[in-house]
C-alpha atoms as a PDB file:
ATOM      1  CA  UNK A   1       9.886 -24.670  27.028  1.00  0.00           C
ATOM      2  CA  UNK A   2       7.044 -26.350  25.230  1.00  0.00           C
ATOM      3  CA  UNK A   3       5.052 -23.122  26.048  1.00  0.00           C
ATOM      4  CA  UNK A   4       7.533 -20.618  24.962  1.00  0.00           C
ATOM      5  CA  UNK A   5       8.109 -22.645  21.630  1.00  0.00           C
ATOM      6  CA  UNK A   6       4.003 -22.642  20.882  1.00  0.00           C
ATOM      7  CA  UNK A   7       3.963 -18.844  21.770  1.00  0.00           C
ATOM      8  CA  UNK A   8       6.663 -18.165  19.411  1.00  0.00           C
ATOM      9  CA  UNK A   9       4.954 -20.627  16.336  1.00  0.00           C
ATOM     10  CA  UNK A  10       1.599 -18.447  16.864  1.00  0.00           C
ATOM     11  CA  UNK A  11       3.511 -15.037  16.648  1.00  0.00           C
ATOM     12  CA  UNK A  12       5.587 -16.261  13.607  1.00  0.00           C
ATOM     13  CA  UNK A  13       1.995 -17.761  11.834  1.00  0.00           C
ATOM     14  CA  UNK A  14       0.017 -14.496  12.762  1.00  0.00           C
ATOM     15  CA  UNK A  15       3.115 -12.147  11.413  1.00  0.00           C
ATOM     16  CA  UNK A  16       3.668 -14.189   8.080  1.00  0.00           C
ATOM     17  CA  UNK A  17      -0.353 -13.932   7.376  1.00  0.00           C
ATOM     18  CA  UNK A  18      -0.385  -9.901   8.264  1.00  0.00           C
ATOM     19  CA  UNK A  19       2.752  -9.387   5.999  1.00  0.00           C
ATOM     20  CA  UNK A  20       1.130 -11.712   3.206  1.00  0.00           C
ATOM     21  CA  UNK A  21      -1.802  -9.943   3.042  1.00  0.00           C
ATOM     22  CA  UNK A  22      -1.911  -6.919   0.415  1.00  0.00           C
ATOM     23  CA  UNK A  23      -4.703  -5.330   1.189  1.00  0.00           C
ATOM     24  CA  UNK A  24      -5.804  -5.267   4.999  1.00  0.00           C
ATOM     25  CA  UNK A  25      -8.006  -3.059   7.232  1.00  0.00           C
ATOM     26  CA  UNK A  26      -5.995  -0.691   8.877  1.00  0.00           C
ATOM     27  CA  UNK A  27      -8.363   0.853  11.510  1.00  0.00           C
ATOM     28  CA  UNK A  28     -11.282   2.376   9.426  1.00  0.00           C
ATOM     29  CA  UNK A  29      -8.782   2.093   6.320  1.00  0.00           C
ATOM     30  CA  UNK A  30      -7.576  -0.005   3.754  1.00  0.00           C
ATOM     31  CA  UNK A  31      -3.970  -0.330   3.576  1.00  0.00           C
ATOM     32  CA  UNK A  32      -2.466  -1.124  -0.019  1.00  0.00           C
ATOM     33  CA  UNK A  33       0.947  -2.278  -0.726  1.00  0.00           C
ATOM     34  CA  UNK A  34       2.491  -2.702  -3.981  1.00  0.00           C
ATOM     35  CA  UNK A  35       3.926  -1.315  -7.220  1.00  0.00           C
ATOM     36  CA  UNK A  36       1.958   1.250  -9.325  1.00  0.00           C
ATOM     37  CA  UNK A  37       1.064  -0.158 -12.712  1.00  0.00           C
ATOM     38  CA  UNK A  38      -1.177   2.691 -13.950  1.00  0.00           C
ATOM     39  CA  UNK A  39      -2.087   5.965 -12.796  1.00  0.00           C
ATOM     40  CA  UNK A  40      -3.919   8.826 -13.995  1.00  0.00           C
ATOM     41  CA  UNK A  41      -5.540  12.246 -12.513  1.00  0.00           C
ATOM     42  CA  UNK A  42      -8.358  10.196 -10.834  1.00  0.00           C
ATOM     43  CA  UNK A  43      -7.056   6.725  -9.749  1.00  0.00           C
ATOM     44  CA  UNK A  44      -4.160   5.228  -9.341  1.00  0.00           C
ATOM     45  CA  UNK A  45      -4.011   0.818 -10.154  1.00  0.00           C
ATOM     46  CA  UNK A  46      -1.648  -1.054  -7.600  1.00  0.00           C
ATOM     47  CA  UNK A  47      -0.255  -4.419  -8.308  1.00  0.00           C
ATOM     48  CA  UNK A  48       0.186  -6.275  -5.262  1.00  0.00           C
ATOM     49  CA  UNK A  49       2.639  -8.874  -4.365  1.00  0.00           C
ATOM     50  CA  UNK A  50       0.028 -11.724  -4.988  1.00  0.00           C
ATOM     51  CA  UNK A  51      -0.689 -10.475  -8.718  1.00  0.00           C
ATOM     52  CA  UNK A  52      -4.021  -8.495  -8.448  1.00  0.00           C
ATOM     53  CA  UNK A  53      -4.559  -5.463  -9.393  1.00  0.00           C
ATOM     54  CA  UNK A  54      -6.393  -2.662  -7.102  1.00  0.00           C
ATOM     55  CA  UNK A  55      -7.741   0.593  -8.524  1.00  0.00           C
ATOM     56  CA  UNK A  56      -7.966   3.199  -5.776  1.00  0.00           C
ATOM     57  CA  UNK A  57      -9.322   6.633  -6.833  1.00  0.00           C
ATOM     58  CA  UNK A  58      -7.564   9.767  -5.707  1.00  0.00           C
ATOM     59  CA  UNK A  59      -9.045  13.345  -5.333  1.00  0.00           C
ATOM     60  CA  UNK A  60      -8.284  16.531  -3.972  1.00  0.00           C
ATOM     61  CA  UNK A  61      -7.618  15.534  -0.299  1.00  0.00           C
ATOM     62  CA  UNK A  62      -5.325  12.636  -1.107  1.00  0.00           C
ATOM     63  CA  UNK A  63      -2.034  13.649   0.681  1.00  0.00           C
ATOM     64  CA  UNK A  64       1.010  12.499  -1.199  1.00  0.00           C
ATOM     65  CA  UNK A  65       4.845  11.758   0.491  1.00  0.00           C
ATOM     66  CA  UNK A  66       7.969  10.591  -1.027  1.00  0.00           C
ATOM     67  CA  UNK A  67       9.509   8.846   1.491  1.00  0.00           C
ATOM     68  CA  UNK A  68       8.923  11.438   4.842  1.00  0.00           C
ATOM     69  CA  UNK A  69       8.776  14.431   2.289  1.00  0.00           C
ATOM     70  CA  UNK A  70       5.638  15.915   1.167  1.00  0.00           C
ATOM     71  CA  UNK A  71       5.391  15.363  -2.595  1.00  0.00           C
ATOM     72  CA  UNK A  72       2.896  16.407  -5.620  1.00  0.00           C
ATOM     73  CA  UNK A  73       0.365  14.240  -7.361  1.00  0.00           C
ATOM     74  CA  UNK A  74       2.411  14.370 -10.427  1.00  0.00           C
ATOM     75  CA  UNK A  75       5.350  13.195  -8.825  1.00  0.00           C
ATOM     76  CA  UNK A  76       3.725   9.766  -8.563  1.00  0.00           C
ATOM     77  CA  UNK A  77       4.942   7.554 -11.643  1.00  0.00           C
ATOM     78  CA  UNK A  78       4.405   3.727 -12.876  1.00  0.00           C
ATOM     79  CA  UNK A  79       6.750   1.838 -11.293  1.00  0.00           C
ATOM     80  CA  UNK A  80       6.977   3.017  -8.096  1.00  0.00           C
ATOM     81  CA  UNK A  81       6.501   1.247  -4.960  1.00  0.00           C
ATOM     82  CA  UNK A  82       3.399   2.111  -2.833  1.00  0.00           C
ATOM     83  CA  UNK A  83       1.827   2.090   0.615  1.00  0.00           C
ATOM     84  CA  UNK A  84      -1.638   3.617   0.578  1.00  0.00           C
ATOM     85  CA  UNK A  85      -4.154   4.230   3.080  1.00  0.00           C
ATOM     86  CA  UNK A  86      -7.861   4.510   1.375  1.00  0.00           C
ATOM     87  CA  UNK A  87     -11.547   4.243   2.540  1.00  0.00           C
ATOM     88  CA  UNK A  88     -13.373   1.294   2.801  1.00  0.00           C
ATOM     89  CA  UNK A  89     -15.571   2.538   0.253  1.00  0.00           C
ATOM     90  CA  UNK A  90     -16.542   1.002  -2.973  1.00  0.00           C
ATOM     91  CA  UNK A  91     -14.400   2.001  -4.423  1.00  0.00           C
ATOM     92  CA  UNK A  92     -11.812   3.018  -2.414  1.00  0.00           C
ATOM     93  CA  UNK A  93     -10.734   6.528  -2.234  1.00  0.00           C
ATOM     94  CA  UNK A  94      -6.485   7.204  -1.317  1.00  0.00           C
ATOM     95  CA  UNK A  95      -6.256   9.482   1.843  1.00  0.00           C
ATOM     96  CA  UNK A  96      -2.640   8.910   1.786  1.00  0.00           C
ATOM     97  CA  UNK A  97      -0.160   7.693  -0.937  1.00  0.00           C
ATOM     98  CA  UNK A  98       3.343   6.980   0.228  1.00  0.00           C
ATOM     99  CA  UNK A  99       5.817   6.085  -2.554  1.00  0.00           C
ATOM    100  CA  UNK A 100       9.018   5.505  -3.487  1.00  0.00           C
ATOM    101  CA  UNK A 101      11.087   4.629  -6.706  1.00  0.00           C
ATOM    102  CA  UNK A 102      11.793   0.693  -8.086  1.00  0.00           C
ATOM    103  CA  UNK A 103      14.796  -0.584  -6.196  1.00  0.00           C
ATOM    104  CA  UNK A 104      17.566   0.179  -7.924  1.00  0.00           C
ATOM    105  CA  UNK A 105      16.189   2.714  -9.779  1.00  0.00           C
ATOM    106  CA  UNK A 106      15.136   6.486  -9.182  1.00  0.00           C
ATOM    107  CA  UNK A 107      13.164   9.001 -11.172  1.00  0.00           C
END
């Protein structure tokens, strides 16, 4: 019994640390979760759960999705919740941006 309790504790701790991380290397990509706080033609700024701001470049190769449906760059708006996969470069460049309207709100 003690071994299964220890294993469960380790799994729970790893899960908590993974979920708490706002920007995690995802293979060879940076994974950014949060809310759009600023957006223009060249970049998007994401406020993460820990209150930090991540500025991510956007280019002609960036793909946009509202949920699972293809979207347009101009559909992305301040307040949207996002999951971004970006390059690990400095600055990072978005490859995919998945977004949804704020909880309880819509566009």
